Amino acid sequence: MNAASPVYLELIDFIVSRATPEALLQFRPSEANQRRVSELIEGQHKGTLSPERPPSWTTSYRSSIS
């Protein structure tokens, strides 16, 4: 997964790989994705995210509920 990929794709890939219920409970995102989400949350709290480019984890979610 590259830096341009939305962070939730890691979870989706894991789920579609037919993960067992036990494996799903033990799932942890990669260190890179944990850092990316932390950076996005921090930027949102500080107000430093660009309004033209919302956080990658919200973009597809918003379009999927529209």
N, C-alpha and C. Protein backbone atom coordinates (compact mmCIF):
# COMPACT_ATOMS: atom_id res chain seq x y z
N MET A 1 0.84 -1.17 0.00
CA MET A 1 0.00 0.00 0.00
C MET A 1 0.89 1.23 0.00
N ASN A 2 0.58 2.19 -0.85
CA ASN A 2 1.42 3.38 -0.92
C ASN A 2 0.80 4.53 -0.13
N ALA A 3 1.54 5.61 -0.01
CA ALA A 3 1.11 6.75 0.80
C ALA A 3 -0.16 7.40 0.26
N ALA A 4 -0.44 7.26 -1.05
CA ALA A 4 -1.62 7.87 -1.63
C ALA A 4 -2.88 7.04 -1.40
N SER A 5 -2.74 5.80 -0.98
CA SER A 5 -3.89 4.95 -0.76
C SER A 5 -4.62 5.34 0.51
N PRO A 6 -5.95 5.34 0.48
CA PRO A 6 -6.68 5.60 1.71
C PRO A 6 -6.33 4.53 2.75
N VAL A 7 -6.22 4.95 3.99
CA VAL A 7 -5.77 4.03 5.04
C VAL A 7 -6.73 2.89 5.31
N TYR A 8 -8.01 3.08 5.02
CA TYR A 8 -8.98 2.02 5.30
C TYR A 8 -8.84 0.83 4.36
N LEU A 9 -8.12 0.99 3.24
CA LEU A 9 -7.97 -0.13 2.30
C LEU A 9 -7.23 -1.31 2.93
N GLU A 10 -6.36 -1.04 3.88
CA GLU A 10 -5.66 -2.12 4.56
C GLU A 10 -6.65 -3.03 5.29
N LEU A 11 -7.62 -2.45 5.96
CA LEU A 11 -8.63 -3.23 6.65
C LEU A 11 -9.52 -3.98 5.67
N ILE A 12 -9.92 -3.32 4.61
CA ILE A 12 -10.77 -3.96 3.60
C ILE A 12 -10.04 -5.16 2.98
N ASP A 13 -8.78 -4.96 2.63
CA ASP A 13 -7.99 -6.07 2.07
C ASP A 13 -7.91 -7.23 3.04
N PHE A 14 -7.74 -6.93 4.30
CA PHE A 14 -7.66 -7.97 5.33
C PHE A 14 -8.99 -8.74 5.43
N ILE A 15 -10.10 -8.03 5.44
CA ILE A 15 -11.41 -8.66 5.58
C ILE A 15 -11.72 -9.54 4.37
N VAL A 16 -11.45 -9.04 3.18
CA VAL A 16 -11.78 -9.82 1.98
C VAL A 16 -10.84 -11.00 1.78
N SER A 17 -9.78 -11.06 2.55
CA SER A 17 -8.88 -12.21 2.46
C SER A 17 -9.43 -13.39 3.26
N ARG A 18 -10.70 -13.29 3.64
CA ARG A 18 -11.40 -14.34 4.39
C ARG A 18 -10.78 -14.56 5.77
N ALA A 19 -10.54 -13.47 6.44
CA ALA A 19 -9.98 -13.54 7.79
C ALA A 19 -10.95 -14.25 8.72
N THR A 20 -10.41 -15.04 9.60
CA THR A 20 -11.24 -15.72 10.59
C THR A 20 -11.71 -14.71 11.62
N PRO A 21 -12.79 -15.01 12.35
CA PRO A 21 -13.24 -14.09 13.40
C PRO A 21 -12.13 -13.79 14.41
N GLU A 22 -11.34 -14.79 14.74
CA GLU A 22 -10.25 -14.60 15.70
C GLU A 22 -9.19 -13.64 15.14
N ALA A 23 -8.84 -13.84 13.88
CA ALA A 23 -7.85 -12.97 13.25
C ALA A 23 -8.37 -11.53 13.15
N LEU A 24 -9.65 -11.39 12.86
CA LEU A 24 -10.25 -10.07 12.77
C LEU A 24 -10.17 -9.33 14.10
N LEU A 25 -10.41 -10.04 15.18
CA LEU A 25 -10.31 -9.43 16.51
C LEU A 25 -8.89 -9.00 16.85
N GLN A 26 -7.91 -9.67 16.27
CA GLN A 26 -6.51 -9.36 16.56
C GLN A 26 -5.89 -8.40 15.54
N PHE A 27 -6.66 -7.99 14.54
CA PHE A 27 -6.14 -7.11 13.50
C PHE A 27 -5.62 -5.81 14.08
N ARG A 28 -4.46 -5.41 13.61
CA ARG A 28 -3.88 -4.11 13.94
C ARG A 28 -3.36 -3.51 12.63
N PRO A 29 -3.67 -2.24 12.38
CA PRO A 29 -3.16 -1.62 11.16
C PRO A 29 -1.64 -1.52 11.21
N SER A 30 -1.05 -1.37 10.04
CA SER A 30 0.40 -1.24 9.95
C SER A 30 0.85 0.02 10.69
N GLU A 31 2.12 0.03 11.07
CA GLU A 31 2.70 1.20 11.75
C GLU A 31 2.52 2.45 10.89
N ALA A 32 2.73 2.31 9.58
CA ALA A 32 2.61 3.45 8.68
C ALA A 32 1.20 4.02 8.70
N ASN A 33 0.19 3.14 8.66
CA ASN A 33 -1.19 3.62 8.68
C ASN A 33 -1.57 4.17 10.04
N GLN A 34 -1.04 3.62 11.11
CA GLN A 34 -1.30 4.17 12.44
C GLN A 34 -0.75 5.60 12.52
N ARG A 35 0.47 5.80 11.99
CA ARG A 35 1.07 7.14 11.99
C ARG A 35 0.25 8.10 11.13
N ARG A 36 -0.18 7.62 9.95
CA ARG A 36 -0.94 8.48 9.03
C ARG A 36 -2.25 8.94 9.66
N VAL A 37 -2.97 8.04 10.30
CA VAL A 37 -4.23 8.41 10.95
C VAL A 37 -3.96 9.39 12.09
N SER A 38 -2.90 9.14 12.85
CA SER A 38 -2.55 10.07 13.93
C SER A 38 -2.26 11.46 13.39
N GLU A 39 -1.53 11.52 12.27
CA GLU A 39 -1.22 12.81 11.64
C GLU A 39 -2.50 13.51 11.17
N LEU A 40 -3.40 12.75 10.58
CA LEU A 40 -4.66 13.33 10.10
C LEU A 40 -5.50 13.85 11.26
N ILE A 41 -5.58 13.09 12.32
CA ILE A 41 -6.36 13.52 13.49
C ILE A 41 -5.74 14.78 14.09
N GLU A 42 -4.42 14.78 14.23
CA GLU A 42 -3.73 15.95 14.77
C GLU A 42 -3.96 17.18 13.89
N GLY A 43 -3.85 17.00 12.58
CA GLY A 43 -4.08 18.10 11.66
C GLY A 43 -5.50 18.62 11.73
N GLN A 44 -6.45 17.72 11.92
CA GLN A 44 -7.84 18.15 12.03
C GLN A 44 -8.06 18.93 13.32
N HIS A 45 -7.47 18.47 14.41
CA HIS A 45 -7.60 19.18 15.69
C HIS A 45 -6.93 20.55 15.65
N LYS A 46 -5.79 20.64 14.97
CA LYS A 46 -5.06 21.91 14.88
C LYS A 46 -5.64 22.82 13.82
N GLY A 47 -6.50 22.28 12.95
CA GLY A 47 -7.07 23.08 11.87
C GLY A 47 -6.09 23.31 10.74
N THR A 48 -5.13 22.41 10.57
CA THR A 48 -4.13 22.58 9.52
C THR A 48 -4.40 21.75 8.27
N LEU A 49 -5.51 21.03 8.23
CA LEU A 49 -5.85 20.27 7.02
C LEU A 49 -6.47 21.23 6.01
N SER A 50 -6.12 21.03 4.77
CA SER A 50 -6.64 21.86 3.71
C SER A 50 -8.11 21.52 3.45
N PRO A 51 -9.00 22.53 3.41
CA PRO A 51 -10.41 22.24 3.12
C PRO A 51 -10.63 21.70 1.71
N GLU A 52 -9.71 22.01 0.79
CA GLU A 52 -9.84 21.49 -0.58
C GLU A 52 -9.51 20.02 -0.65
N ARG A 53 -8.75 19.51 0.31
CA ARG A 53 -8.33 18.12 0.29
C ARG A 53 -8.59 17.50 1.66
N PRO A 54 -9.80 16.99 1.86
CA PRO A 54 -10.13 16.41 3.16
C PRO A 54 -9.28 15.18 3.45
N PRO A 55 -9.22 14.75 4.70
CA PRO A 55 -8.43 13.57 5.04
C PRO A 55 -8.82 12.37 4.19
N SER A 56 -7.84 11.57 3.81
CA SER A 56 -8.09 10.43 2.92
C SER A 56 -9.09 9.45 3.50
N TRP A 57 -9.17 9.34 4.81
CA TRP A 57 -10.08 8.37 5.39
C TRP A 57 -11.52 8.83 5.37
N THR A 58 -11.77 10.12 5.08
CA THR A 58 -13.15 10.60 5.03
C THR A 58 -13.68 10.71 3.61
N THR A 59 -12.81 10.85 2.64
CA THR A 59 -13.22 11.13 1.26
C THR A 59 -14.18 10.06 0.73
N SER A 60 -13.77 8.83 0.73
CA SER A 60 -14.61 7.78 0.17
C SER A 60 -15.81 7.49 1.05
N TYR A 61 -15.66 7.64 2.35
CA TYR A 61 -16.80 7.41 3.24
C TYR A 61 -17.91 8.41 2.91
N ARG A 62 -17.54 9.67 2.75
CA ARG A 62 -18.55 10.70 2.44
C ARG A 62 -19.24 10.41 1.12
N SER A 63 -18.46 9.98 0.12
CA SER A 63 -19.07 9.74 -1.19
C SER A 63 -19.93 8.47 -1.16
N SER A 64 -19.62 7.53 -0.27
CA SER A 64 -20.40 6.30 -0.23
C SER A 64 -21.74 6.49 0.47
N ILE A 65 -21.89 7.55 1.29
CA ILE A 65 -23.15 7.76 1.98
C ILE A 65 -24.01 8.82 1.28
N SER A 66 -23.48 9.43 0.24
CA SER A 66 -24.24 10.46 -0.48
C SER A 66 -25.29 9.87 -1.37
